[in-house]
Protein backbone atom coordinates (compact mmCIF):
# COMPACT_ATOMS: atom_id res chain seq x y z
CA MET A 1 -24.51 5.69 25.32
CA SER A 2 -26.42 9.26 25.41
CA ARG A 3 -28.24 10.04 21.90
CA PHE A 4 -25.42 13.18 21.79
CA GLY A 5 -22.68 10.68 21.20
CA THR A 6 -19.60 10.19 22.94
CA GLY A 7 -16.93 12.83 23.64
CA TRP A 8 -19.24 15.75 25.01
CA ARG A 9 -19.81 16.35 28.28
CA PHE A 10 -22.35 17.81 29.92
CA ARG A 11 -22.60 20.01 33.66
CA ALA A 12 -25.76 20.42 34.87
CA GLU A 13 -26.34 23.50 37.45
CA SER A 14 -29.69 23.72 40.35
CA ARG A 15 -30.37 25.67 43.08
CA PHE A 16 -31.37 21.87 44.38
CA ARG A 17 -28.01 20.71 43.70
CA PRO A 18 -25.11 22.76 42.97
CA GLY A 19 -22.48 21.33 41.27
CA SER A 20 -21.77 19.14 38.68
CA PHE A 21 -20.79 16.22 37.19
CA SER A 22 -19.37 14.63 33.21
CA ARG A 23 -19.78 11.26 31.43
CA THR A 24 -17.35 9.64 33.50
CA SER A 25 -16.69 6.58 35.10
CA SER A 26 -17.29 8.38 38.86
CA ALA A 27 -20.84 9.41 37.24
CA ARG A 28 -22.30 9.60 33.89
CA ALA A 29 -25.40 10.90 32.50
CA ASP A 30 -27.54 8.30 31.18
CA LEU A 31 -29.91 10.90 28.79
CA ALA A 32 -30.77 8.14 26.27
CA ASP A 33 -33.22 7.46 29.44
CA ALA A 34 -34.13 10.68 30.00
CA ALA A 35 -37.53 12.12 29.41
CA ASP A 36 -37.59 15.14 27.57
CA VAL A 37 -34.32 15.34 26.46
CA VAL A 38 -34.52 18.13 23.74
CA GLY A 39 -35.30 22.02 23.24
CA PRO A 40 -34.11 24.03 25.80
CA ALA A 41 -32.94 23.34 29.89
CA SER A 42 -36.79 24.47 31.01
CA SER A 43 -38.23 22.16 29.60
CA ILE A 44 -36.45 19.22 30.44
CA ARG A 45 -37.92 16.95 33.52
CA ARG A 46 -35.80 13.73 34.61
CA VAL A 47 -32.70 13.16 34.23
CA PHE A 48 -31.20 9.83 35.73
CA ASP A 49 -27.51 8.59 36.59
CA PRO A 50 -26.06 5.69 38.33
CA HIS A 51 -25.62 7.56 41.21
CA ILE A 52 -27.79 10.86 40.36
CA ARG A 53 -31.12 10.93 40.43
CA ALA A 54 -32.32 14.45 39.74
CA ASP A 55 -35.90 16.08 39.34
CA VAL A 56 -36.25 20.17 37.65
CA ARG A 57 -38.44 21.49 37.22
CA GLY A 58 -37.37 25.02 35.20
CA ALA A 59 -34.81 25.46 37.36
CA LEU A 60 -31.99 23.00 35.71
CA GLN A 61 -29.76 24.41 33.30
CA LEU A 62 -27.75 21.96 31.00
CA HIS A 63 -25.13 23.40 29.11
CA PHE A 64 -22.74 21.63 26.49
CA SER A 65 -19.61 22.40 26.18
CA CYS A 66 -17.08 20.25 22.89
CA ARG A 67 -14.63 19.95 25.66
CA GLU A 68 -12.80 16.84 23.57
CA PRO A 69 -12.57 16.77 19.73
CA LEU A 70 -15.47 14.40 18.78
CA GLN A 71 -14.37 11.68 15.97
CA PHE A 72 -16.83 9.22 15.66
CA ALA A 73 -15.28 7.75 12.76
CA PRO A 74 -11.17 6.50 11.74
CA ARG A 75 -10.08 9.31 10.19
CA MET A 76 -10.25 8.24 5.88
CA ALA A 77 -7.28 8.19 3.92
CA GLY A 78 -6.26 10.37 1.74
CA THR A 79 -7.49 9.71 -2.11
CA ALA A 80 -5.23 8.44 -4.28
CA HIS A 81 -4.43 10.67 -7.33
CA HIS A 82 -1.95 8.83 -9.23
CA ALA A 83 -2.21 5.50 -10.91
CA LEU A 84 -0.67 3.34 -12.51
CA PHE A 85 -1.77 0.75 -15.10
CA PRO A 86 0.45 -1.77 -15.34
CA GLY A 87 0.85 -4.43 -18.47
CA SER A 88 2.53 -6.39 -21.01
CA PHE A 89 0.08 -3.71 -24.13
CA ASP A 90 2.39 -6.01 -26.66
CA PRO A 91 0.17 -4.56 -28.50
CA VAL A 92 -2.17 -2.34 -26.82
CA THR A 93 -5.77 -3.25 -27.15
CA LEU A 94 -8.56 -1.20 -27.41
CA GLY A 95 -9.67 -2.78 -24.57
CA HIS A 96 -6.91 -0.78 -22.37
CA LEU A 97 -7.27 2.04 -23.57
CA ASP A 98 -11.08 1.66 -22.98
CA LEU A 99 -9.20 0.94 -19.16
CA VAL A 100 -6.98 3.25 -19.34
CA LYS A 101 -10.20 5.99 -20.50
CA ARG A 102 -12.07 5.67 -17.49
CA ALA A 103 -9.33 5.52 -14.69
CA ILE A 104 -8.33 8.86 -15.96
CA VAL A 105 -12.03 9.44 -14.67
CA LEU A 106 -10.66 7.99 -11.13
CA PHE A 107 -7.82 9.35 -10.93
CA SER A 108 -5.76 13.05 -11.61
CA ARG A 109 -3.81 10.55 -13.34
CA VAL A 110 -2.66 7.73 -15.32
CA THR A 111 0.74 6.36 -16.39
CA ILE A 112 1.10 2.97 -18.64
CA GLY A 113 2.97 1.28 -17.91
CA VAL A 114 5.01 -1.55 -19.95
CA ALA A 115 6.97 -4.38 -18.57
CA TYR A 116 10.56 -5.50 -19.69
CA ASN A 117 10.88 -8.84 -19.76
CA PRO A 118 13.96 -10.06 -21.89
CA ASP A 119 12.07 -13.31 -21.97
CA LYS A 120 8.48 -12.40 -23.57
CA PRO A 121 10.06 -12.60 -27.41
CA GLU A 122 10.93 -16.24 -26.50
CA ARG A 123 7.82 -16.86 -26.16
CA GLY A 124 6.02 -15.72 -28.89
CA GLY A 125 6.19 -12.22 -27.79
CA LEU A 126 5.15 -9.55 -31.29
CA PHE A 127 7.07 -6.37 -30.13
CA GLU A 128 10.16 -5.33 -27.96
CA ALA A 129 9.00 -3.64 -25.37
CA GLU A 130 11.49 0.14 -26.39
CA GLU A 131 8.16 -0.46 -29.43
CA ARG A 132 5.60 -1.24 -27.22
CA VAL A 133 6.18 1.62 -25.50
CA GLU A 134 6.69 3.18 -29.66
CA LEU A 135 2.56 1.82 -29.40
CA VAL A 136 0.82 3.30 -26.25
CA GLU A 137 2.41 6.78 -26.16
CA ARG A 138 1.31 6.97 -30.22
CA SER A 139 -1.96 5.63 -29.08
CA VAL A 140 -2.47 7.72 -25.90
CA ALA A 141 -1.33 10.98 -27.78
CA GLY A 142 -3.81 14.01 -26.01
CA TRP A 143 -4.89 12.54 -23.93
CA LYS A 144 -4.18 14.70 -21.21
CA GLY A 145 -2.89 13.57 -17.31
CA VAL A 146 -1.51 9.94 -19.19
CA ASP A 147 1.62 9.54 -19.35
CA VAL A 148 4.31 5.81 -20.46
CA VAL A 149 6.82 4.56 -19.27
CA LEU A 150 9.05 1.26 -19.25
CA VAL A 151 9.32 -0.39 -16.24
CA ARG A 152 11.81 -2.43 -14.86
CA GLY A 153 10.98 -4.31 -11.46
CA LEU A 154 8.78 -5.60 -10.38
CA VAL A 155 5.10 -2.85 -10.61
CA VAL A 156 5.56 -1.81 -6.91
CA GLN A 157 9.33 -0.52 -7.11
CA ALA A 158 7.70 1.45 -9.89
CA CYS A 159 4.53 2.83 -7.75
CA ALA A 160 7.18 3.50 -5.21
CA ASP A 161 9.52 5.50 -8.05
CA LEU A 162 6.88 7.11 -9.72
CA GLY A 163 4.69 8.22 -6.61
CA ALA A 164 1.86 6.75 -8.11
CA ASP A 165 -1.25 5.09 -4.75
CA VAL A 166 -2.89 2.41 -6.73
CA ILE A 167 -2.25 0.01 -9.68
CA VAL A 168 -4.70 0.05 -12.12
CA ARG A 169 -5.32 -3.89 -13.40
CA GLY A 170 -8.12 -5.33 -15.97
CA VAL A 171 -10.17 -8.06 -15.08
CA ARG A 172 -12.40 -10.23 -18.33
CA SER A 173 -13.32 -13.24 -16.35
CA GLY A 174 -13.58 -14.92 -12.56
CA THR A 175 -10.02 -16.86 -13.85
CA ASP A 176 -8.83 -13.20 -14.81
CA PHE A 177 -10.21 -11.68 -10.40
CA ASP A 178 -8.98 -14.98 -8.47
CA GLN A 179 -5.44 -14.41 -10.38
CA GLU A 180 -5.18 -10.43 -9.81
CA VAL A 181 -6.62 -11.02 -6.81
CA ALA A 182 -3.93 -12.84 -5.42
CA MET A 183 -1.78 -10.56 -7.07
CA ALA A 184 -3.35 -6.96 -5.29
CA ARG A 185 -2.83 -8.99 -2.25
CA THR A 186 0.63 -9.53 -3.06
CA ASN A 187 1.39 -6.23 -3.89
CA ARG A 188 0.25 -5.60 -1.02
CA ALA A 189 2.54 -7.85 1.06
CA LEU A 190 5.29 -6.25 -0.23
CA ARG A 191 4.80 -3.01 -0.20
CA ALA A 192 1.30 -1.43 2.51
CA GLY A 193 -0.21 1.92 1.35
CA VAL A 194 -0.14 0.48 -2.52
CA ASP A 195 -4.26 -0.93 -3.38
CA THR A 196 -5.50 -2.30 -5.97
CA VAL A 197 -8.64 -2.05 -8.52
CA LEU A 198 -9.70 -3.50 -10.89
CA LEU A 199 -12.35 -2.36 -13.88
CA VAL A 200 -14.52 -4.09 -15.53
CA PRO A 201 -14.23 -3.98 -19.22
CA ALA A 202 -16.50 -2.64 -21.60
CA PRO A 203 -18.67 -5.29 -23.11
CA GLU A 204 -18.24 -4.64 -26.62
CA PHE A 205 -14.07 -5.32 -25.67
CA ALA A 206 -14.74 -7.87 -22.70
CA HIS A 207 -12.87 -10.79 -25.29
CA VAL A 208 -9.76 -8.97 -26.23
CA SER A 209 -7.32 -10.08 -25.14
CA SER A 210 -3.09 -9.50 -26.78
CA THR A 211 -3.23 -13.23 -26.98
CA LEU A 212 -5.66 -12.59 -28.90
CA VAL A 213 -4.13 -10.13 -31.15
CA ARG A 214 -0.67 -11.76 -31.14
CA GLN A 215 -2.22 -15.18 -32.21
CA ILE A 216 -4.93 -13.29 -35.20
CA ALA A 217 -2.00 -11.40 -36.17
CA THR A 218 0.49 -14.68 -36.57
CA LEU A 219 -2.18 -16.27 -38.36
CA GLY A 220 -2.09 -13.84 -41.18
CA GLY A 221 -5.70 -12.57 -40.08
CA ASP A 222 -7.30 -9.11 -40.13
CA ALA A 223 -7.51 -7.63 -35.83
CA SER A 224 -7.49 -4.47 -36.84
CA ALA A 225 -11.06 -4.07 -35.34
CA PHE A 226 -9.52 -4.81 -31.34
CA VAL A 227 -6.70 -2.46 -31.62
CA PRO A 228 -6.11 1.46 -32.09
CA LEU A 229 -4.59 2.44 -35.31
CA PRO A 230 -1.04 2.28 -34.66
CA VAL A 231 -0.79 -1.01 -33.39
CA VAL A 232 -2.60 -1.66 -36.68
CA GLU A 233 0.05 0.36 -38.87
CA ALA A 234 2.80 -1.22 -36.99
CA LEU A 235 0.79 -5.41 -37.40
CA ARG A 236 0.41 -4.16 -41.71
CA ALA A 237 4.61 -3.25 -41.70
CA ARG A 238 5.97 -6.26 -39.73
CA ALA A 239 3.60 -8.90 -42.53
CA LYS A 240 5.06 -6.59 -44.32
CA ARG A 241 8.25 -8.01 -43.56
CA GLY A 242 6.98 -11.42 -42.60
């Protein structure tokens, strides 16, 4: 391949060899092997070709004309701008909020999708779906570019409904990573074009999870170090009600 790249066409005009040649199957100018193929035409000494050899001394004029668009790399896809951060958020934790803060730096818009799972309360959930949405909304109140919605059904369908082009998830361990990779592949198979970005939490939040908070709250402990103020207030109110 020529040092000038693919896509270029060349025409050589000389008093010795009038006419032209181009980089086609009939005559390919192997400029990579040519001597002094840089600078003005007067400095060019030789051009080698499978079919043509021209010894040129000062009379050769080499014209470069890009008659076809140069494409050295595939066209890059459009940059993702709207991220969906799905989860149960039962309850939302400081670890979740850390991921939202970092995601909003990467994307112009982040939507927190609170998953609706009717079976969750029977399995030890703390808050109903509507309560979780409210707690997340209060926790991110005033955050520019951040919205909160209730997601019913598949996450990829929520992406389609919201116009989100990427899914954001957090991974705290190797186990989380394996699960998220499998889910990312599944979502990609269900809806091509939706990719998943995995974010590693900050060290101070690496151990924090909604499950941990639920266990502490259920046993009467104080989980205020792991959750935002709206959740702290909701947990205290719940404890008073017994």
